[in-house]
């Protein structure tokens, strides 16, 4: 087996590879999100409505990607991004009704239950 074939078979097709990529992606998003939440110009924390707008803006961007993936026939990825859309909308709702710091989880049920 060639090195390329080994990589495809043992790395690229391995679900753990995608899990690691997802965790790296989420870590980078959180770092970027944190930088966006802090207003560097005035060194103040964002207001509640700005945080809500932030989560909604991210969900709209993901929704657009989800629709494009669905149209191109990438149904699995479309479903995955759809999960992120719902998660971000739940977090916006959580910030609006409960607390300015949404739970750090991807579990939709847990986010919804914490809102009562």
C-alpha atoms as a PDB file:
ATOM      1  CA  UNK A   1       0.000   0.000   0.000  1.00  0.00           C
ATOM      2  CA  UNK A   2       1.299   3.449  -0.882  1.00  0.00           C
ATOM      3  CA  UNK A   3       1.763   6.163   1.722  1.00  0.00           C
ATOM      4  CA  UNK A   4      -1.155   8.028   0.163  1.00  0.00           C
ATOM      5  CA  UNK A   5      -3.380   4.946   0.384  1.00  0.00           C
ATOM      6  CA  UNK A   6      -2.351   4.407   4.001  1.00  0.00           C
ATOM      7  CA  UNK A   7      -3.203   8.011   4.843  1.00  0.00           C
ATOM      8  CA  UNK A   8      -6.599   7.822   3.171  1.00  0.00           C
ATOM      9  CA  UNK A   9      -7.489   4.472   4.732  1.00  0.00           C
ATOM     10  CA  UNK A  10      -6.152   4.950   8.267  1.00  0.00           C
ATOM     11  CA  UNK A  11      -6.284   8.675   8.861  1.00  0.00           C
ATOM     12  CA  UNK A  12      -8.744  10.427   6.578  1.00  0.00           C
ATOM     13  CA  UNK A  13     -11.477   7.795   6.919  1.00  0.00           C
ATOM     14  CA  UNK A  14     -11.024   7.492  10.680  1.00  0.00           C
ATOM     15  CA  UNK A  15     -13.855   9.159  12.663  1.00  0.00           C
ATOM     16  CA  UNK A  16     -11.362  10.226  15.339  1.00  0.00           C
ATOM     17  CA  UNK A  17      -9.666  12.403  12.696  1.00  0.00           C
ATOM     18  CA  UNK A  18     -12.910  14.332  12.235  1.00  0.00           C
ATOM     19  CA  UNK A  19     -13.466  14.588  15.976  1.00  0.00           C
ATOM     20  CA  UNK A  20      -9.989  16.107  16.419  1.00  0.00           C
ATOM     21  CA  UNK A  21     -10.607  18.534  13.528  1.00  0.00           C
ATOM     22  CA  UNK A  22     -13.929  19.515  15.101  1.00  0.00           C
ATOM     23  CA  UNK A  23     -12.314  20.145  18.497  1.00  0.00           C
ATOM     24  CA  UNK A  24      -9.570  22.262  16.914  1.00  0.00           C
ATOM     25  CA  UNK A  25     -12.191  24.206  14.954  1.00  0.00           C
ATOM     26  CA  UNK A  26     -14.321  24.788  18.062  1.00  0.00           C
ATOM     27  CA  UNK A  27     -11.290  25.910  20.079  1.00  0.00           C
ATOM     28  CA  UNK A  28     -10.340  28.418  17.387  1.00  0.00           C
ATOM     29  CA  UNK A  29     -13.923  29.675  17.161  1.00  0.00           C
ATOM     30  CA  UNK A  30     -14.054  30.146  20.939  1.00  0.00           C
ATOM     31  CA  UNK A  31     -10.794  32.108  20.895  1.00  0.00           C
ATOM     32  CA  UNK A  32     -12.098  34.266  18.049  1.00  0.00           C
ATOM     33  CA  UNK A  33     -15.459  34.628  19.802  1.00  0.00           C
ATOM     34  CA  UNK A  34     -13.794  35.709  23.018  1.00  0.00           C
ATOM     35  CA  UNK A  35     -11.775  38.344  21.194  1.00  0.00           C
ATOM     36  CA  UNK A  36     -14.957  39.588  19.531  1.00  0.00           C
ATOM     37  CA  UNK A  37     -16.825  39.788  22.842  1.00  0.00           C
ATOM     38  CA  UNK A  38     -14.145  42.008  24.328  1.00  0.00           C
ATOM     39  CA  UNK A  39     -14.348  45.451  22.825  1.00  0.00           C
ATOM     40  CA  UNK A  40     -10.676  46.301  22.345  1.00  0.00           C
ATOM     41  CA  UNK A  41     -11.336  49.952  21.560  1.00  0.00           C
ATOM     42  CA  UNK A  42     -12.851  50.695  24.967  1.00  0.00           C
ATOM     43  CA  UNK A  43     -11.772  47.507  26.773  1.00  0.00           C
ATOM     44  CA  UNK A  44     -15.376  46.917  27.841  1.00  0.00           C
ATOM     45  CA  UNK A  45     -17.483  43.792  27.790  1.00  0.00           C
ATOM     46  CA  UNK A  46     -20.270  43.687  25.232  1.00  0.00           C
ATOM     47  CA  UNK A  47     -23.810  44.510  26.225  1.00  0.00           C
ATOM     48  CA  UNK A  48     -26.402  41.757  26.434  1.00  0.00           C
ATOM     49  CA  UNK A  49     -28.097  42.697  23.151  1.00  0.00           C
ATOM     50  CA  UNK A  50     -24.720  42.721  21.359  1.00  0.00           C
ATOM     51  CA  UNK A  51     -24.015  39.172  22.536  1.00  0.00           C
ATOM     52  CA  UNK A  52     -27.450  38.072  21.313  1.00  0.00           C
ATOM     53  CA  UNK A  53     -26.795  39.713  17.929  1.00  0.00           C
ATOM     54  CA  UNK A  54     -23.409  37.979  17.806  1.00  0.00           C
ATOM     55  CA  UNK A  55     -24.920  34.488  18.275  1.00  0.00           C
ATOM     56  CA  UNK A  56     -27.661  35.215  15.740  1.00  0.00           C
ATOM     57  CA  UNK A  57     -25.127  36.545  13.204  1.00  0.00           C
ATOM     58  CA  UNK A  58     -23.046  33.376  13.548  1.00  0.00           C
ATOM     59  CA  UNK A  59     -26.134  31.194  13.166  1.00  0.00           C
ATOM     60  CA  UNK A  60     -27.153  33.058   9.989  1.00  0.00           C
ATOM     61  CA  UNK A  61     -23.698  32.505   8.483  1.00  0.00           C
ATOM     62  CA  UNK A  62     -23.870  28.805   9.361  1.00  0.00           C
ATOM     63  CA  UNK A  63     -27.397  28.580   7.961  1.00  0.00           C
ATOM     64  CA  UNK A  64     -26.166  29.912   4.626  1.00  0.00           C
ATOM     65  CA  UNK A  65     -23.373  27.313   4.597  1.00  0.00           C
ATOM     66  CA  UNK A  66     -25.866  24.590   5.555  1.00  0.00           C
ATOM     67  CA  UNK A  67     -28.160  25.461   2.633  1.00  0.00           C
ATOM     68  CA  UNK A  68     -25.245  25.484   0.188  1.00  0.00           C
ATOM     69  CA  UNK A  69     -24.010  22.114   1.461  1.00  0.00           C
ATOM     70  CA  UNK A  70     -27.502  20.674   1.138  1.00  0.00           C
ATOM     71  CA  UNK A  71     -27.875  21.981  -2.428  1.00  0.00           C
ATOM     72  CA  UNK A  72     -24.535  20.421  -3.376  1.00  0.00           C
ATOM     73  CA  UNK A  73     -25.616  17.030  -2.008  1.00  0.00           C
ATOM     74  CA  UNK A  74     -23.408  17.031   1.112  1.00  0.00           C
ATOM     75  CA  UNK A  75     -26.255  15.953   3.369  1.00  0.00           C
ATOM     76  CA  UNK A  76     -24.132  14.751   6.296  1.00  0.00           C
ATOM     77  CA  UNK A  77     -22.219  18.003   6.527  1.00  0.00           C
ATOM     78  CA  UNK A  78     -25.411  19.953   6.028  1.00  0.00           C
ATOM     79  CA  UNK A  79     -26.922  18.158   9.008  1.00  0.00           C
ATOM     80  CA  UNK A  80     -23.801  18.822  11.083  1.00  0.00           C
ATOM     81  CA  UNK A  81     -23.877  22.548  10.304  1.00  0.00           C
ATOM     82  CA  UNK A  82     -27.623  22.541  10.980  1.00  0.00           C
ATOM     83  CA  UNK A  83     -26.838  21.315  14.482  1.00  0.00           C
ATOM     84  CA  UNK A  84     -24.523  24.317  14.919  1.00  0.00           C
ATOM     85  CA  UNK A  85     -27.250  26.668  13.679  1.00  0.00           C
ATOM     86  CA  UNK A  86     -29.708  25.383  16.278  1.00  0.00           C
ATOM     87  CA  UNK A  87     -27.029  25.445  18.989  1.00  0.00           C
ATOM     88  CA  UNK A  88     -26.164  29.096  18.330  1.00  0.00           C
ATOM     89  CA  UNK A  89     -29.817  30.121  18.259  1.00  0.00           C
ATOM     90  CA  UNK A  90     -30.388  28.327  21.569  1.00  0.00           C
ATOM     91  CA  UNK A  91     -27.405  30.161  23.025  1.00  0.00           C
ATOM     92  CA  UNK A  92     -28.815  33.503  21.828  1.00  0.00           C
ATOM     93  CA  UNK A  93     -32.129  32.609  23.475  1.00  0.00           C
ATOM     94  CA  UNK A  94     -30.283  31.566  26.633  1.00  0.00           C
ATOM     95  CA  UNK A  95     -28.442  34.901  26.800  1.00  0.00           C
ATOM     96  CA  UNK A  96     -31.709  36.763  26.278  1.00  0.00           C
ATOM     97  CA  UNK A  97     -33.663  34.930  28.979  1.00  0.00           C
ATOM     98  CA  UNK A  98     -31.180  33.529  31.502  1.00  0.00           C
ATOM     99  CA  UNK A  99     -27.565  34.611  31.686  1.00  0.00           C
ATOM    100  CA  UNK A 100     -25.019  36.431  29.561  1.00  0.00           C
ATOM    101  CA  UNK A 101     -22.718  33.390  29.591  1.00  0.00           C
ATOM    102  CA  UNK A 102     -24.280  30.472  27.715  1.00  0.00           C
ATOM    103  CA  UNK A 103     -23.255  26.938  28.689  1.00  0.00           C
ATOM    104  CA  UNK A 104     -20.068  25.621  27.086  1.00  0.00           C
ATOM    105  CA  UNK A 105     -21.605  22.535  25.554  1.00  0.00           C
ATOM    106  CA  UNK A 106     -22.744  21.318  22.165  1.00  0.00           C
ATOM    107  CA  UNK A 107     -25.572  19.244  23.638  1.00  0.00           C
ATOM    108  CA  UNK A 108     -28.788  20.892  22.438  1.00  0.00           C
ATOM    109  CA  UNK A 109     -30.881  19.179  25.088  1.00  0.00           C
ATOM    110  CA  UNK A 110     -28.679  20.461  27.913  1.00  0.00           C
ATOM    111  CA  UNK A 111     -28.767  24.032  26.593  1.00  0.00           C
ATOM    112  CA  UNK A 112     -32.549  23.892  26.262  1.00  0.00           C
ATOM    113  CA  UNK A 113     -33.057  22.342  29.729  1.00  0.00           C
ATOM    114  CA  UNK A 114     -30.928  25.016  31.401  1.00  0.00           C
ATOM    115  CA  UNK A 115     -33.393  27.604  30.140  1.00  0.00           C
ATOM    116  CA  UNK A 116     -36.239  25.918  32.050  1.00  0.00           C
END
